[in-house]
Structures are given as C-alpha cells and as structure tokens.
N, C-alpha and C. Protein backbone atom coordinates (compact mmCIF):
# COMPACT_ATOMS: atom_id res chain seq x y z
N UNK A 1 -196.26 72.16 100.80
CA UNK A 1 -194.89 71.67 100.84
C UNK A 1 -194.56 71.28 102.28
N UNK A 2 -194.32 70.00 102.50
CA UNK A 2 -194.06 69.51 103.85
C UNK A 2 -192.59 69.36 104.16
N UNK A 3 -191.73 69.37 103.16
CA UNK A 3 -190.30 69.15 103.39
C UNK A 3 -189.68 70.38 104.06
N UNK A 4 -189.07 70.16 105.21
CA UNK A 4 -188.44 71.24 105.96
C UNK A 4 -187.42 71.99 105.10
N UNK A 5 -186.55 71.25 104.42
CA UNK A 5 -185.49 71.91 103.65
C UNK A 5 -186.05 72.63 102.42
N UNK A 6 -187.10 72.10 101.80
CA UNK A 6 -187.74 72.80 100.69
C UNK A 6 -188.34 74.12 101.18
N UNK A 7 -188.87 74.13 102.38
CA UNK A 7 -189.43 75.35 102.96
C UNK A 7 -188.32 76.36 103.28
N UNK A 8 -187.16 75.88 103.70
CA UNK A 8 -186.02 76.78 103.92
C UNK A 8 -185.58 77.38 102.59
N UNK A 9 -185.47 76.56 101.55
CA UNK A 9 -185.09 77.04 100.22
C UNK A 9 -186.08 78.10 99.74
N UNK A 10 -187.37 77.88 99.98
CA UNK A 10 -188.41 78.81 99.55
C UNK A 10 -188.45 80.10 100.38
N UNK A 11 -187.68 80.14 101.47
CA UNK A 11 -187.66 81.32 102.32
C UNK A 11 -188.79 81.37 103.34
N UNK A 12 -189.53 80.27 103.47
CA UNK A 12 -190.63 80.21 104.44
C UNK A 12 -190.13 80.05 105.87
N UNK A 13 -188.95 79.45 106.00
CA UNK A 13 -188.33 79.23 107.30
C UNK A 13 -186.94 79.87 107.25
N UNK A 14 -186.59 80.71 108.22
CA UNK A 14 -185.28 81.36 108.18
C UNK A 14 -184.14 80.37 108.45
N UNK A 15 -182.97 80.72 107.93
CA UNK A 15 -181.77 79.92 108.18
C UNK A 15 -180.57 80.86 108.24
N UNK A 16 -179.48 80.35 108.79
CA UNK A 16 -178.22 81.10 108.85
C UNK A 16 -177.39 80.72 107.63
N UNK A 17 -177.74 81.30 106.50
CA UNK A 17 -177.13 80.95 105.22
C UNK A 17 -175.64 81.32 105.20
N UNK A 18 -174.82 80.38 104.73
CA UNK A 18 -173.39 80.63 104.57
C UNK A 18 -172.94 80.54 103.11
N UNK A 19 -173.81 79.95 102.25
CA UNK A 19 -173.43 79.78 100.84
C UNK A 19 -174.71 79.54 100.05
N UNK A 20 -174.72 80.10 98.83
CA UNK A 20 -175.82 79.84 97.92
C UNK A 20 -175.34 80.05 96.50
N UNK A 21 -175.76 79.16 95.61
CA UNK A 21 -175.57 79.35 94.19
C UNK A 21 -176.84 78.88 93.49
N UNK A 22 -176.79 78.70 92.20
CA UNK A 22 -177.97 78.32 91.43
C UNK A 22 -178.57 76.98 91.86
N UNK A 23 -177.71 76.06 92.34
CA UNK A 23 -178.13 74.69 92.62
C UNK A 23 -178.13 74.29 94.09
N UNK A 24 -177.42 75.03 94.93
CA UNK A 24 -177.12 74.59 96.29
C UNK A 24 -177.38 75.72 97.28
N UNK A 25 -177.86 75.34 98.46
CA UNK A 25 -177.98 76.26 99.59
C UNK A 25 -177.29 75.60 100.78
N UNK A 26 -176.55 76.38 101.55
CA UNK A 26 -175.89 75.86 102.75
C UNK A 26 -176.14 76.81 103.91
N UNK A 27 -176.37 76.21 105.08
CA UNK A 27 -176.68 77.01 106.26
C UNK A 27 -176.20 76.27 107.52
N UNK A 28 -176.04 77.01 108.59
CA UNK A 28 -175.57 76.44 109.85
C UNK A 28 -176.65 75.57 110.48
N UNK A 29 -176.23 74.41 111.00
CA UNK A 29 -177.15 73.49 111.67
C UNK A 29 -177.62 74.12 112.98
N UNK A 30 -178.91 73.97 113.29
CA UNK A 30 -179.43 74.56 114.54
C UNK A 30 -179.06 73.74 115.77
N UNK A 31 -178.56 72.53 115.58
CA UNK A 31 -178.10 71.67 116.68
C UNK A 31 -176.69 71.17 116.35
N UNK A 32 -175.70 72.06 116.37
CA UNK A 32 -174.37 71.70 115.89
C UNK A 32 -173.70 70.60 116.71
N UNK A 33 -173.05 69.68 115.99
CA UNK A 33 -172.32 68.58 116.61
C UNK A 33 -170.81 68.83 116.58
N UNK A 34 -170.41 70.00 116.11
CA UNK A 34 -169.01 70.42 116.07
C UNK A 34 -169.02 71.94 116.03
N UNK A 35 -167.88 72.58 116.32
CA UNK A 35 -167.85 74.04 116.26
C UNK A 35 -168.33 74.60 114.93
N UNK A 36 -168.00 73.92 113.84
CA UNK A 36 -168.56 74.25 112.53
C UNK A 36 -169.42 73.07 112.10
N UNK A 37 -170.70 73.31 111.89
CA UNK A 37 -171.62 72.27 111.43
C UNK A 37 -172.58 72.94 110.45
N UNK A 38 -172.36 72.67 109.19
CA UNK A 38 -173.12 73.30 108.11
C UNK A 38 -173.83 72.22 107.31
N UNK A 39 -175.09 72.47 106.98
CA UNK A 39 -175.86 71.58 106.12
C UNK A 39 -175.82 72.14 104.70
N UNK A 40 -175.52 71.27 103.75
CA UNK A 40 -175.43 71.65 102.35
C UNK A 40 -176.50 70.85 101.61
N UNK A 41 -177.43 71.56 100.96
CA UNK A 41 -178.58 70.89 100.36
C UNK A 41 -178.73 71.31 98.90
N UNK A 42 -179.19 70.37 98.06
CA UNK A 42 -179.54 70.77 96.69
C UNK A 42 -180.86 71.53 96.70
N UNK A 43 -180.99 72.50 95.82
CA UNK A 43 -182.25 73.25 95.74
C UNK A 43 -183.35 72.39 95.13
N UNK A 44 -182.98 71.42 94.33
CA UNK A 44 -183.96 70.48 93.81
C UNK A 44 -184.12 69.36 94.83
N UNK A 45 -185.36 68.95 95.08
CA UNK A 45 -185.61 67.93 96.09
C UNK A 45 -185.26 66.53 95.58
N UNK A 46 -184.42 65.84 96.34
CA UNK A 46 -184.17 64.41 96.19
C UNK A 46 -184.32 63.84 97.59
N UNK A 47 -185.06 62.75 97.73
CA UNK A 47 -185.26 62.18 99.06
C UNK A 47 -183.94 61.78 99.71
N UNK A 48 -183.02 61.22 98.94
CA UNK A 48 -181.74 60.78 99.51
C UNK A 48 -180.71 60.69 98.40
N UNK A 49 -179.51 60.30 98.77
CA UNK A 49 -178.44 60.12 97.80
C UNK A 49 -178.81 59.04 96.78
N UNK A 50 -179.70 58.13 97.15
CA UNK A 50 -180.12 57.07 96.24
C UNK A 50 -180.94 57.59 95.08
N UNK A 51 -181.56 58.76 95.23
CA UNK A 51 -182.42 59.35 94.20
C UNK A 51 -181.73 60.42 93.37
N UNK A 52 -180.56 60.84 93.78
CA UNK A 52 -179.92 62.00 93.17
C UNK A 52 -179.02 61.60 92.00
N UNK A 53 -179.03 62.40 90.94
CA UNK A 53 -178.11 62.15 89.83
C UNK A 53 -176.69 62.54 90.23
N UNK A 54 -175.70 61.97 89.55
CA UNK A 54 -174.30 62.26 89.91
C UNK A 54 -173.96 63.74 89.92
N UNK A 55 -174.53 64.52 89.01
CA UNK A 55 -174.18 65.94 88.97
C UNK A 55 -174.65 66.67 90.23
N UNK A 56 -175.74 66.22 90.84
CA UNK A 56 -176.20 66.83 92.09
C UNK A 56 -175.21 66.56 93.21
N UNK A 57 -174.70 65.34 93.28
CA UNK A 57 -173.69 64.99 94.30
C UNK A 57 -172.43 65.81 94.07
N UNK A 58 -172.04 65.95 92.83
CA UNK A 58 -170.86 66.75 92.50
C UNK A 58 -171.00 68.20 92.93
N UNK A 59 -172.17 68.76 92.71
CA UNK A 59 -172.40 70.16 93.12
C UNK A 59 -172.33 70.32 94.63
N UNK A 60 -172.85 69.33 95.36
CA UNK A 60 -172.78 69.39 96.83
C UNK A 60 -171.34 69.33 97.32
N UNK A 61 -170.53 68.44 96.74
CA UNK A 61 -169.14 68.32 97.19
C UNK A 61 -168.31 69.52 96.77
N UNK A 62 -168.58 70.08 95.59
CA UNK A 62 -167.88 71.31 95.19
C UNK A 62 -168.22 72.45 96.14
N UNK A 63 -169.49 72.58 96.50
CA UNK A 63 -169.89 73.60 97.46
C UNK A 63 -169.21 73.36 98.80
N UNK A 64 -169.12 72.10 99.22
CA UNK A 64 -168.47 71.77 100.49
C UNK A 64 -167.01 72.22 100.50
N UNK A 65 -166.32 72.02 99.40
CA UNK A 65 -164.92 72.46 99.32
C UNK A 65 -164.81 73.97 99.48
N UNK A 66 -165.67 74.70 98.79
CA UNK A 66 -165.65 76.16 98.89
C UNK A 66 -165.97 76.62 100.30
N UNK A 67 -166.99 76.02 100.89
CA UNK A 67 -167.39 76.41 102.25
C UNK A 67 -166.28 76.08 103.25
N UNK A 68 -165.67 74.91 103.13
CA UNK A 68 -164.57 74.54 104.03
C UNK A 68 -163.44 75.55 103.93
N UNK A 69 -163.12 75.98 102.73
CA UNK A 69 -162.09 77.01 102.55
C UNK A 69 -162.52 78.31 103.22
N UNK A 70 -163.76 78.74 102.98
CA UNK A 70 -164.27 79.99 103.56
C UNK A 70 -164.32 79.95 105.08
N UNK A 71 -164.53 78.76 105.64
CA UNK A 71 -164.63 78.60 107.10
C UNK A 71 -163.27 78.33 107.75
N UNK A 72 -162.21 78.27 106.96
CA UNK A 72 -160.87 78.04 107.50
C UNK A 72 -160.62 76.61 107.97
N UNK A 73 -161.26 75.64 107.33
CA UNK A 73 -161.17 74.25 107.78
C UNK A 73 -160.16 73.42 106.99
N UNK A 74 -159.59 73.95 105.93
CA UNK A 74 -158.78 73.11 105.04
C UNK A 74 -157.42 72.74 105.64
N UNK A 75 -156.89 73.55 106.54
CA UNK A 75 -155.57 73.23 107.11
C UNK A 75 -155.63 72.03 108.05
N UNK A 76 -156.62 71.99 108.93
CA UNK A 76 -156.71 70.92 109.93
C UNK A 76 -157.68 69.80 109.55
N UNK A 77 -158.51 70.02 108.54
CA UNK A 77 -159.41 68.99 108.07
C UNK A 77 -160.83 69.16 108.54
N UNK A 78 -161.69 68.35 107.95
CA UNK A 78 -163.12 68.40 108.22
C UNK A 78 -163.72 67.07 107.81
N UNK A 79 -164.99 66.89 108.10
CA UNK A 79 -165.70 65.66 107.76
C UNK A 79 -166.95 66.02 106.96
N UNK A 80 -167.22 65.22 105.92
CA UNK A 80 -168.48 65.30 105.18
C UNK A 80 -169.26 64.03 105.46
N UNK A 81 -170.55 64.17 105.77
CA UNK A 81 -171.40 63.02 106.09
C UNK A 81 -172.70 63.14 105.31
N UNK A 82 -173.10 62.02 104.68
CA UNK A 82 -174.42 61.92 104.06
C UNK A 82 -175.12 60.73 104.71
N UNK A 83 -176.12 61.01 105.52
CA UNK A 83 -176.92 59.95 106.13
C UNK A 83 -178.02 59.56 105.14
N UNK A 84 -178.26 58.25 105.03
CA UNK A 84 -179.26 57.77 104.07
C UNK A 84 -180.19 56.77 104.74
N UNK A 85 -181.48 57.06 104.72
CA UNK A 85 -182.48 56.16 105.28
C UNK A 85 -182.54 56.21 106.79
N UNK A 86 -183.56 55.56 107.33
CA UNK A 86 -183.78 55.57 108.78
C UNK A 86 -182.61 54.98 109.56
N UNK A 87 -182.14 53.82 109.14
CA UNK A 87 -181.04 53.19 109.87
C UNK A 87 -179.72 53.91 109.64
N UNK A 88 -179.63 54.70 108.58
CA UNK A 88 -178.44 55.51 108.34
C UNK A 88 -178.47 56.83 109.07
N UNK A 89 -179.56 57.11 109.79
CA UNK A 89 -179.65 58.33 110.60
C UNK A 89 -180.19 59.54 109.86
N UNK A 90 -180.82 59.33 108.71
CA UNK A 90 -181.36 60.47 107.96
C UNK A 90 -182.66 60.94 108.60
N UNK A 91 -182.64 62.14 109.17
CA UNK A 91 -183.81 62.65 109.88
C UNK A 91 -184.70 63.52 109.00
N UNK A 92 -184.15 64.14 107.97
CA UNK A 92 -184.93 64.94 107.02
C UNK A 92 -184.80 64.27 105.67
N UNK A 93 -185.93 63.92 105.07
CA UNK A 93 -185.92 63.19 103.80
C UNK A 93 -185.73 64.15 102.62
N UNK A 94 -184.63 64.85 102.65
CA UNK A 94 -184.16 65.72 101.56
C UNK A 94 -182.65 65.57 101.60
N UNK A 95 -182.07 65.11 100.51
CA UNK A 95 -180.62 64.90 100.47
C UNK A 95 -179.89 66.08 101.08
N UNK A 96 -178.94 65.81 101.95
CA UNK A 96 -178.12 66.87 102.52
C UNK A 96 -176.78 66.30 102.98
N UNK A 97 -175.79 67.17 102.95
CA UNK A 97 -174.44 66.83 103.40
C UNK A 97 -174.17 67.63 104.66
N UNK A 98 -173.66 66.96 105.68
CA UNK A 98 -173.19 67.64 106.89
C UNK A 98 -171.71 67.92 106.70
N UNK A 99 -171.31 69.18 106.86
CA UNK A 99 -169.90 69.55 106.89
C UNK A 99 -169.58 69.86 108.35
N UNK A 100 -168.67 69.07 108.93
CA UNK A 100 -168.31 69.20 110.35
C UNK A 100 -166.82 69.51 110.46
N UNK A 101 -166.49 70.46 111.31
CA UNK A 101 -165.08 70.79 111.51
C UNK A 101 -164.87 71.61 112.76
N UNK A 102 -163.62 71.94 113.00
CA UNK A 102 -163.28 72.76 114.15
C UNK A 102 -162.95 71.96 115.39
N UNK A 103 -162.94 70.64 115.27
CA UNK A 103 -162.52 69.77 116.37
C UNK A 103 -162.01 68.47 115.78
N UNK A 104 -161.32 67.69 116.59
CA UNK A 104 -160.84 66.39 116.15
C UNK A 104 -162.03 65.43 116.02
N UNK A 105 -162.10 64.75 114.90
CA UNK A 105 -163.18 63.81 114.66
C UNK A 105 -162.70 62.40 115.07
N UNK A 106 -163.60 61.65 115.64
CA UNK A 106 -163.28 60.29 116.08
C UNK A 106 -163.88 59.28 115.13
N UNK A 107 -163.33 58.07 115.13
CA UNK A 107 -163.91 56.97 114.36
C UNK A 107 -163.99 55.76 115.24
N UNK A 108 -165.10 55.10 115.40
CA UNK A 108 -166.35 55.47 114.72
C UNK A 108 -166.86 56.82 115.21
N UNK A 109 -167.72 57.44 114.39
CA UNK A 109 -168.22 58.78 114.75
C UNK A 109 -168.84 58.77 116.13
N UNK A 110 -168.64 59.83 116.81
CA UNK A 110 -169.21 59.92 118.14
C UNK A 110 -169.18 61.30 118.68
C-alpha cells in the first residue's frame, strides 16, 4: 500500500486523530496553514473528488460540520478546501478535505 492516507487509516503511520466514524477519519495536518487545520478523509480510497460517489462527499462534509462545531469554529467561520489534480494543488492522491479556521481567511487564498 503506497497511499499515505491509506497507511494512516490502517494505523501504519500515526496521526493526531480528532474524529472517526465508520466512513471517515480526520486528523490534524502536520504542516498547518491556520491555527486549526484538519484533514478529513474517506476510509475508502478515491484518488480525487472526480472518482468519489456523492455519498462519500456528503459524509466528508457532514464530518466537517461536526468537527467545526467540536473545534469551536462555527461562530466566526471556517473554510473547506478540496484540491483536485496537480494544477489544483492536490499533493496526496487520496480524496481529502482541508478544514481551516481560527484566523481570517483571504480571497484569493493565501
């Protein structure tokens, strides 16, 4: 198994887990771009959002809502990001959502 996130799901690589259910695992990013930066991944491997069925996307966003509430981000807001493909900035070819919060977000992202 070469996928970094699949290895995290399998417990081969440690992570700072903040949420887990039957379908989703979420953990703190090791290179945070905001005070709160959590990666939310499906336990089933999909290379990107282009390969995932709608129910997988729904599970990721439902988990994001719960995590944002648990992290105290719902009052001031947060950002969800899904990078897709090389030009979209996807560095790990396993669908994942970045949940970013705890600071003011700029547009364009920076």
